[in-house]
């Protein structure tokens, strides 16, 4: 379907499934920390949980929930028949389940899944990370492509499909907040793409973006990541 309500509902159902998956990982974390000296899971698996749990909650639960609400409400609030780019809207949803299947499947790789925390600071994500980092990076790329397509759709819809007497100053606050959010997403998602691509190349091809031994700077990773991170939040 390319109907905005159907796609909005798909986003919300997907978000609900992720809201079950992510907290299941949180339960592993909390169980391990329940009592000093208690060893329920392997320390490496614990680190994998503290990486994949927040990634699922931020990119899989919270963001699709708000995107689902945007799909449902924005056309109705501005008097539009649908989103401006309905087929792209469909595509931006359907690549998400594949991205998260890829992210979760990294946990079953030899050497384990990503184990360096959701902020994947170098050198933990480069020098000391498992080979599943490549799968993690690819999943992040697909997620940010989905976000950018959704943001483009929101902007084009709000700019072009408002009802005849729906002026900018008559837009509901929800529509305004999503318009601003969409511009922020388009601005910062390419920065995330750069960060994860540099992590990937540092890990497998050795250009030393973040490795001081090769003239790089791990602090630069933090600057790049948080240039994405705060507008995202």
C-alpha atoms as a PDB file:
ATOM      1  CA  UNK A   1       0.000   0.000   0.000  1.00  0.00           C
ATOM      2  CA  UNK A   2       1.044   3.605  -0.528  1.00  0.00           C
ATOM      3  CA  UNK A   3      -1.738   4.991   1.677  1.00  0.00           C
ATOM      4  CA  UNK A   4      -0.244   7.244   4.365  1.00  0.00           C
ATOM      5  CA  UNK A   5      -2.400   5.720   7.121  1.00  0.00           C
ATOM      6  CA  UNK A   6      -1.401   2.160   6.226  1.00  0.00           C
ATOM      7  CA  UNK A   7       2.281   3.112   6.160  1.00  0.00           C
ATOM      8  CA  UNK A   8       1.871   5.048   9.416  1.00  0.00           C
ATOM      9  CA  UNK A   9       0.353   1.942  11.012  1.00  0.00           C
ATOM     10  CA  UNK A  10       3.212  -0.214   9.669  1.00  0.00           C
ATOM     11  CA  UNK A  11       5.712   2.163  11.267  1.00  0.00           C
ATOM     12  CA  UNK A  12       3.832   1.999  14.575  1.00  0.00           C
ATOM     13  CA  UNK A  13       3.623  -1.818  14.542  1.00  0.00           C
ATOM     14  CA  UNK A  14       7.314  -2.059  13.664  1.00  0.00           C
ATOM     15  CA  UNK A  15       8.099   0.347  16.497  1.00  0.00           C
ATOM     16  CA  UNK A  16       6.017  -1.795  18.879  1.00  0.00           C
ATOM     17  CA  UNK A  17       7.978  -4.938  17.903  1.00  0.00           C
ATOM     18  CA  UNK A  18      11.235  -3.061  18.507  1.00  0.00           C
ATOM     19  CA  UNK A  19       9.820  -1.829  21.841  1.00  0.00           C
ATOM     20  CA  UNK A  20       9.601  -5.511  22.802  1.00  0.00           C
ATOM     21  CA  UNK A  21      13.002  -6.489  21.380  1.00  0.00           C
ATOM     22  CA  UNK A  22      15.044  -3.634  22.858  1.00  0.00           C
ATOM     23  CA  UNK A  23      13.746  -3.959  26.444  1.00  0.00           C
ATOM     24  CA  UNK A  24      14.385  -7.728  26.287  1.00  0.00           C
ATOM     25  CA  UNK A  25      18.043  -6.795  25.892  1.00  0.00           C
ATOM     26  CA  UNK A  26      17.723  -4.240  28.693  1.00  0.00           C
ATOM     27  CA  UNK A  27      16.465  -7.054  30.948  1.00  0.00           C
ATOM     28  CA  UNK A  28      19.680  -8.975  30.231  1.00  0.00           C
ATOM     29  CA  UNK A  29      21.690  -5.875  31.204  1.00  0.00           C
ATOM     30  CA  UNK A  30      19.710  -5.257  34.405  1.00  0.00           C
ATOM     31  CA  UNK A  31      19.763  -8.938  35.405  1.00  0.00           C
ATOM     32  CA  UNK A  32      23.557  -8.987  35.063  1.00  0.00           C
ATOM     33  CA  UNK A  33      23.833  -5.836  37.214  1.00  0.00           C
ATOM     34  CA  UNK A  34      21.278  -7.049  39.763  1.00  0.00           C
ATOM     35  CA  UNK A  35      23.854  -8.130  42.324  1.00  0.00           C
ATOM     36  CA  UNK A  36      27.596  -7.642  42.678  1.00  0.00           C
ATOM     37  CA  UNK A  37      29.605 -10.663  41.496  1.00  0.00           C
ATOM     38  CA  UNK A  38      26.613 -12.244  39.745  1.00  0.00           C
ATOM     39  CA  UNK A  39      27.691 -13.672  36.364  1.00  0.00           C
ATOM     40  CA  UNK A  40      24.688 -14.565  34.194  1.00  0.00           C
ATOM     41  CA  UNK A  41      26.075 -13.850  30.729  1.00  0.00           C
ATOM     42  CA  UNK A  42      29.479 -13.658  29.078  1.00  0.00           C
ATOM     43  CA  UNK A  43      31.079 -10.178  29.501  1.00  0.00           C
ATOM     44  CA  UNK A  44      31.413  -9.836  25.709  1.00  0.00           C
ATOM     45  CA  UNK A  45      27.718 -10.642  25.258  1.00  0.00           C
ATOM     46  CA  UNK A  46      26.908  -8.052  27.939  1.00  0.00           C
ATOM     47  CA  UNK A  47      28.818  -5.456  25.882  1.00  0.00           C
ATOM     48  CA  UNK A  48      26.887  -6.523  22.775  1.00  0.00           C
ATOM     49  CA  UNK A  49      23.613  -5.967  24.642  1.00  0.00           C
ATOM     50  CA  UNK A  50      24.708  -2.473  25.765  1.00  0.00           C
ATOM     51  CA  UNK A  51      25.422  -1.677  22.100  1.00  0.00           C
ATOM     52  CA  UNK A  52      22.452  -3.207  20.274  1.00  0.00           C
ATOM     53  CA  UNK A  53      19.819  -2.331  22.925  1.00  0.00           C
ATOM     54  CA  UNK A  54      20.230   1.456  22.583  1.00  0.00           C
ATOM     55  CA  UNK A  55      20.565   1.250  18.783  1.00  0.00           C
ATOM     56  CA  UNK A  56      17.241  -0.590  18.639  1.00  0.00           C
ATOM     57  CA  UNK A  57      15.564   1.817  21.049  1.00  0.00           C
ATOM     58  CA  UNK A  58      16.747   4.996  19.273  1.00  0.00           C
ATOM     59  CA  UNK A  59      16.590   3.952  15.614  1.00  0.00           C
ATOM     60  CA  UNK A  60      14.076   1.105  15.818  1.00  0.00           C
ATOM     61  CA  UNK A  61      11.553   2.110  18.479  1.00  0.00           C
ATOM     62  CA  UNK A  62      11.487   5.878  19.078  1.00  0.00           C
ATOM     63  CA  UNK A  63      12.158   7.220  15.578  1.00  0.00           C
ATOM     64  CA  UNK A  64       9.752   4.920  13.663  1.00  0.00           C
ATOM     65  CA  UNK A  65       7.068   5.662  16.286  1.00  0.00           C
ATOM     66  CA  UNK A  66       7.305   9.404  15.593  1.00  0.00           C
ATOM     67  CA  UNK A  67       7.586   8.822  11.847  1.00  0.00           C
ATOM     68  CA  UNK A  68       4.450   6.668  12.012  1.00  0.00           C
ATOM     69  CA  UNK A  69       2.618   9.473  13.821  1.00  0.00           C
ATOM     70  CA  UNK A  70       3.874  11.941  11.194  1.00  0.00           C
ATOM     71  CA  UNK A  71       2.577   9.718   8.392  1.00  0.00           C
ATOM     72  CA  UNK A  72      -0.795   9.416  10.043  1.00  0.00           C
ATOM     73  CA  UNK A  73      -1.307  13.001  11.182  1.00  0.00           C
ATOM     74  CA  UNK A  74       0.486  15.459   8.884  1.00  0.00           C
ATOM     75  CA  UNK A  75      -1.706  14.928   5.775  1.00  0.00           C
ATOM     76  CA  UNK A  76      -4.871  15.126   7.891  1.00  0.00           C
ATOM     77  CA  UNK A  77      -3.658  18.237   9.746  1.00  0.00           C
ATOM     78  CA  UNK A  78      -2.825  20.182   6.579  1.00  0.00           C
ATOM     79  CA  UNK A  79      -5.771  18.961   4.498  1.00  0.00           C
ATOM     80  CA  UNK A  80      -3.705  16.840   2.096  1.00  0.00           C
ATOM     81  CA  UNK A  81      -5.029  13.652   0.449  1.00  0.00           C
ATOM     82  CA  UNK A  82      -1.782  11.741   1.165  1.00  0.00           C
ATOM     83  CA  UNK A  83       1.950  12.255   1.562  1.00  0.00           C
ATOM     84  CA  UNK A  84       3.535  13.957  -1.453  1.00  0.00           C
ATOM     85  CA  UNK A  85       5.744  10.991  -2.416  1.00  0.00           C
ATOM     86  CA  UNK A  86       3.728   7.898  -1.481  1.00  0.00           C
ATOM     87  CA  UNK A  87       5.878   5.285  -3.229  1.00  0.00           C
ATOM     88  CA  UNK A  88       9.043   6.638  -1.609  1.00  0.00           C
ATOM     89  CA  UNK A  89       7.122   6.643   1.670  1.00  0.00           C
ATOM     90  CA  UNK A  90       6.463   2.931   1.212  1.00  0.00           C
ATOM     91  CA  UNK A  91      10.103   2.243   0.391  1.00  0.00           C
ATOM     92  CA  UNK A  92      11.395   4.242   3.373  1.00  0.00           C
ATOM     93  CA  UNK A  93       9.406   1.940   5.656  1.00  0.00           C
ATOM     94  CA  UNK A  94      10.126  -1.405   4.022  1.00  0.00           C
ATOM     95  CA  UNK A  95      13.901  -1.107   4.126  1.00  0.00           C
ATOM     96  CA  UNK A  96      13.751  -0.783   7.940  1.00  0.00           C
ATOM     97  CA  UNK A  97      12.846  -4.421   8.798  1.00  0.00           C
ATOM     98  CA  UNK A  98      15.767  -5.572   6.628  1.00  0.00           C
ATOM     99  CA  UNK A  99      18.160  -3.147   8.337  1.00  0.00           C
ATOM    100  CA  UNK A 100      17.217  -4.372  11.803  1.00  0.00           C
ATOM    101  CA  UNK A 101      17.272  -8.021  10.742  1.00  0.00           C
ATOM    102  CA  UNK A 102      20.841  -7.351   9.612  1.00  0.00           C
ATOM    103  CA  UNK A 103      21.738  -5.605  12.861  1.00  0.00           C
ATOM    104  CA  UNK A 104      20.293  -8.415  14.994  1.00  0.00           C
ATOM    105  CA  UNK A 105      21.857 -11.126  12.839  1.00  0.00           C
ATOM    106  CA  UNK A 106      25.289  -9.623  13.590  1.00  0.00           C
ATOM    107  CA  UNK A 107      24.876 -11.018  17.124  1.00  0.00           C
ATOM    108  CA  UNK A 108      25.151 -14.538  15.685  1.00  0.00           C
ATOM    109  CA  UNK A 109      28.359 -13.916  13.729  1.00  0.00           C
ATOM    110  CA  UNK A 110      31.653 -15.493  14.697  1.00  0.00           C
ATOM    111  CA  UNK A 111      33.276 -13.159  17.199  1.00  0.00           C
ATOM    112  CA  UNK A 112      29.885 -11.799  18.246  1.00  0.00           C
ATOM    113  CA  UNK A 113      27.960  -8.666  17.388  1.00  0.00           C
ATOM    114  CA  UNK A 114      29.008  -5.030  17.835  1.00  0.00           C
ATOM    115  CA  UNK A 115      30.305  -4.633  21.401  1.00  0.00           C
ATOM    116  CA  UNK A 116      31.487  -1.027  21.613  1.00  0.00           C
ATOM    117  CA  UNK A 117      28.478   0.931  22.944  1.00  0.00           C
ATOM    118  CA  UNK A 118      25.835   2.741  20.890  1.00  0.00           C
ATOM    119  CA  UNK A 119      28.052   5.802  20.431  1.00  0.00           C
ATOM    120  CA  UNK A 120      30.695   3.452  18.882  1.00  0.00           C
ATOM    121  CA  UNK A 121      33.650   5.619  19.887  1.00  0.00           C
ATOM    122  CA  UNK A 122      36.936   4.963  18.138  1.00  0.00           C
ATOM    123  CA  UNK A 123      39.187   3.096  18.858  1.00  0.00           C
ATOM    124  CA  UNK A 124      36.679   0.662  20.435  1.00  0.00           C
ATOM    125  CA  UNK A 125      34.732   0.490  17.159  1.00  0.00           C
ATOM    126  CA  UNK A 126      37.835   0.335  14.966  1.00  0.00           C
ATOM    127  CA  UNK A 127      40.920  -1.304  16.509  1.00  0.00           C
ATOM    128  CA  UNK A 128      39.150  -3.467  19.091  1.00  0.00           C
ATOM    129  CA  UNK A 129      35.853  -4.362  17.382  1.00  0.00           C
ATOM    130  CA  UNK A 130      34.682  -7.689  15.895  1.00  0.00           C
ATOM    131  CA  UNK A 131      34.213  -8.288  12.154  1.00  0.00           C
ATOM    132  CA  UNK A 132      30.438  -7.853  12.550  1.00  0.00           C
ATOM    133  CA  UNK A 133      31.180  -4.095  12.605  1.00  0.00           C
ATOM    134  CA  UNK A 134      30.741  -4.185   8.807  1.00  0.00           C
ATOM    135  CA  UNK A 135      27.170  -5.469   9.194  1.00  0.00           C
ATOM    136  CA  UNK A 136      26.488  -2.852  11.860  1.00  0.00           C
ATOM    137  CA  UNK A 137      27.717  -0.057   9.545  1.00  0.00           C
ATOM    138  CA  UNK A 138      25.616  -1.313   6.627  1.00  0.00           C
ATOM    139  CA  UNK A 139      22.510  -1.469   8.863  1.00  0.00           C
ATOM    140  CA  UNK A 140      23.113   2.120  10.045  1.00  0.00           C
ATOM    141  CA  UNK A 141      23.438   3.265   6.430  1.00  0.00           C
ATOM    142  CA  UNK A 142      20.080   1.724   5.511  1.00  0.00           C
ATOM    143  CA  UNK A 143      18.419   3.231   8.589  1.00  0.00           C
ATOM    144  CA  UNK A 144      19.700   6.736   7.783  1.00  0.00           C
ATOM    145  CA  UNK A 145      18.611   6.414   4.126  1.00  0.00           C
ATOM    146  CA  UNK A 146      15.125   5.570   5.430  1.00  0.00           C
ATOM    147  CA  UNK A 147      15.214   8.606   7.751  1.00  0.00           C
ATOM    148  CA  UNK A 148      16.307  10.946   4.979  1.00  0.00           C
ATOM    149  CA  UNK A 149      13.632   9.721   2.571  1.00  0.00           C
ATOM    150  CA  UNK A 150      10.992  10.153   5.276  1.00  0.00           C
ATOM    151  CA  UNK A 151      12.260  13.673   6.004  1.00  0.00           C
ATOM    152  CA  UNK A 152      12.221  14.666   2.318  1.00  0.00           C
ATOM    153  CA  UNK A 153       8.652  13.376   2.107  1.00  0.00           C
ATOM    154  CA  UNK A 154       7.556  15.424   5.129  1.00  0.00           C
ATOM    155  CA  UNK A 155       9.072  18.648   3.768  1.00  0.00           C
ATOM    156  CA  UNK A 156       7.632  18.240   0.266  1.00  0.00           C
ATOM    157  CA  UNK A 157       4.211  17.362   1.722  1.00  0.00           C
ATOM    158  CA  UNK A 158       4.073  20.362   4.075  1.00  0.00           C
ATOM    159  CA  UNK A 159       5.383  22.833   1.472  1.00  0.00           C
ATOM    160  CA  UNK A 160       3.272  21.669  -1.490  1.00  0.00           C
ATOM    161  CA  UNK A 161       0.096  19.951  -0.264  1.00  0.00           C
ATOM    162  CA  UNK A 162      -1.391  22.374   2.267  1.00  0.00           C
ATOM    163  CA  UNK A 163      -5.083  23.156   1.826  1.00  0.00           C
ATOM    164  CA  UNK A 164      -5.742  26.472  -0.002  1.00  0.00           C
ATOM    165  CA  UNK A 165      -6.289  28.601   3.124  1.00  0.00           C
ATOM    166  CA  UNK A 166      -3.730  26.753   5.282  1.00  0.00           C
ATOM    167  CA  UNK A 167      -1.070  29.481   5.635  1.00  0.00           C
ATOM    168  CA  UNK A 168       2.242  28.909   7.426  1.00  0.00           C
ATOM    169  CA  UNK A 169       0.960  30.664  10.535  1.00  0.00           C
ATOM    170  CA  UNK A 170      -2.080  28.374  10.654  1.00  0.00           C
ATOM    171  CA  UNK A 171      -0.029  25.152  10.677  1.00  0.00           C
ATOM    172  CA  UNK A 172      -0.522  23.060  13.822  1.00  0.00           C
ATOM    173  CA  UNK A 173       2.492  22.897  16.150  1.00  0.00           C
ATOM    174  CA  UNK A 174       2.986  19.178  15.429  1.00  0.00           C
ATOM    175  CA  UNK A 175       3.429  19.974  11.726  1.00  0.00           C
ATOM    176  CA  UNK A 176       5.903  22.773  12.489  1.00  0.00           C
ATOM    177  CA  UNK A 177       7.959  20.552  14.787  1.00  0.00           C
ATOM    178  CA  UNK A 178       8.104  17.838  12.146  1.00  0.00           C
ATOM    179  CA  UNK A 179       9.122  20.332   9.459  1.00  0.00           C
ATOM    180  CA  UNK A 180      12.048  21.476  11.618  1.00  0.00           C
ATOM    181  CA  UNK A 181      12.902  17.869  12.526  1.00  0.00           C
ATOM    182  CA  UNK A 182      12.921  16.902   8.844  1.00  0.00           C
ATOM    183  CA  UNK A 183      15.389  19.661   7.973  1.00  0.00           C
ATOM    184  CA  UNK A 184      17.603  18.608  10.896  1.00  0.00           C
ATOM    185  CA  UNK A 185      17.530  14.962   9.758  1.00  0.00           C
ATOM    186  CA  UNK A 186      18.531  15.875   6.203  1.00  0.00           C
ATOM    187  CA  UNK A 187      21.357  18.037   7.591  1.00  0.00           C
ATOM    188  CA  UNK A 188      22.837  15.543  10.052  1.00  0.00           C
ATOM    189  CA  UNK A 189      22.226  12.073   8.592  1.00  0.00           C
ATOM    190  CA  UNK A 190      25.016  12.487   5.997  1.00  0.00           C
ATOM    191  CA  UNK A 191      27.335  13.337   8.917  1.00  0.00           C
ATOM    192  CA  UNK A 192      26.443   9.987  10.520  1.00  0.00           C
ATOM    193  CA  UNK A 193      27.107   8.346   7.144  1.00  0.00           C
ATOM    194  CA  UNK A 194      30.562   9.902   7.100  1.00  0.00           C
ATOM    195  CA  UNK A 195      31.288   8.807  10.672  1.00  0.00           C
ATOM    196  CA  UNK A 196      30.301   5.159  10.175  1.00  0.00           C
ATOM    197  CA  UNK A 197      32.077   4.990   6.790  1.00  0.00           C
ATOM    198  CA  UNK A 198      35.280   6.276   8.386  1.00  0.00           C
ATOM    199  CA  UNK A 199      34.860   3.661  11.121  1.00  0.00           C
ATOM    200  CA  UNK A 200      34.427   0.975   8.456  1.00  0.00           C
ATOM    201  CA  UNK A 201      37.491   2.056   6.479  1.00  0.00           C
ATOM    202  CA  UNK A 202      39.613   2.453   9.636  1.00  0.00           C
ATOM    203  CA  UNK A 203      38.694  -1.074  10.675  1.00  0.00           C
ATOM    204  CA  UNK A 204      39.152  -2.904   7.369  1.00  0.00           C
ATOM    205  CA  UNK A 205      41.325  -0.712   5.102  1.00  0.00           C
ATOM    206  CA  UNK A 206      43.575   1.249   7.468  1.00  0.00           C
ATOM    207  CA  UNK A 207      43.412   4.954   6.488  1.00  0.00           C
ATOM    208  CA  UNK A 208      43.827   5.988  10.180  1.00  0.00           C
ATOM    209  CA  UNK A 209      41.127   8.665  10.452  1.00  0.00           C
ATOM    210  CA  UNK A 210      40.881   8.024  14.193  1.00  0.00           C
ATOM    211  CA  UNK A 211      44.196   6.231  14.872  1.00  0.00           C
ATOM    212  CA  UNK A 212      46.842   8.488  16.432  1.00  0.00           C
ATOM    213  CA  UNK A 213      49.606   6.113  15.281  1.00  0.00           C
ATOM    214  CA  UNK A 214      48.702   6.946  11.671  1.00  0.00           C
ATOM    215  CA  UNK A 215      48.199  10.675  12.248  1.00  0.00           C
ATOM    216  CA  UNK A 216      44.469  10.469  13.034  1.00  0.00           C
ATOM    217  CA  UNK A 217      42.524  11.749  16.018  1.00  0.00           C
ATOM    218  CA  UNK A 218      40.004   9.771  18.115  1.00  0.00           C
ATOM    219  CA  UNK A 219      38.605  13.066  19.485  1.00  0.00           C
ATOM    220  CA  UNK A 220      37.601  13.967  15.919  1.00  0.00           C
ATOM    221  CA  UNK A 221      35.269  10.968  16.012  1.00  0.00           C
ATOM    222  CA  UNK A 222      33.452  12.456  19.009  1.00  0.00           C
ATOM    223  CA  UNK A 223      33.065  15.820  17.247  1.00  0.00           C
ATOM    224  CA  UNK A 224      31.665  14.183  14.098  1.00  0.00           C
ATOM    225  CA  UNK A 225      29.400  11.804  16.003  1.00  0.00           C
ATOM    226  CA  UNK A 226      27.884  14.483  18.237  1.00  0.00           C
ATOM    227  CA  UNK A 227      27.421  16.883  15.332  1.00  0.00           C
ATOM    228  CA  UNK A 228      24.983  14.185  14.232  1.00  0.00           C
ATOM    229  CA  UNK A 229      23.928  13.039  17.703  1.00  0.00           C
ATOM    230  CA  UNK A 230      22.457  16.114  19.289  1.00  0.00           C
ATOM    231  CA  UNK A 231      20.251  17.316  16.382  1.00  0.00           C
ATOM    232  CA  UNK A 232      19.102  13.693  16.054  1.00  0.00           C
ATOM    233  CA  UNK A 233      17.929  13.670  19.667  1.00  0.00           C
END
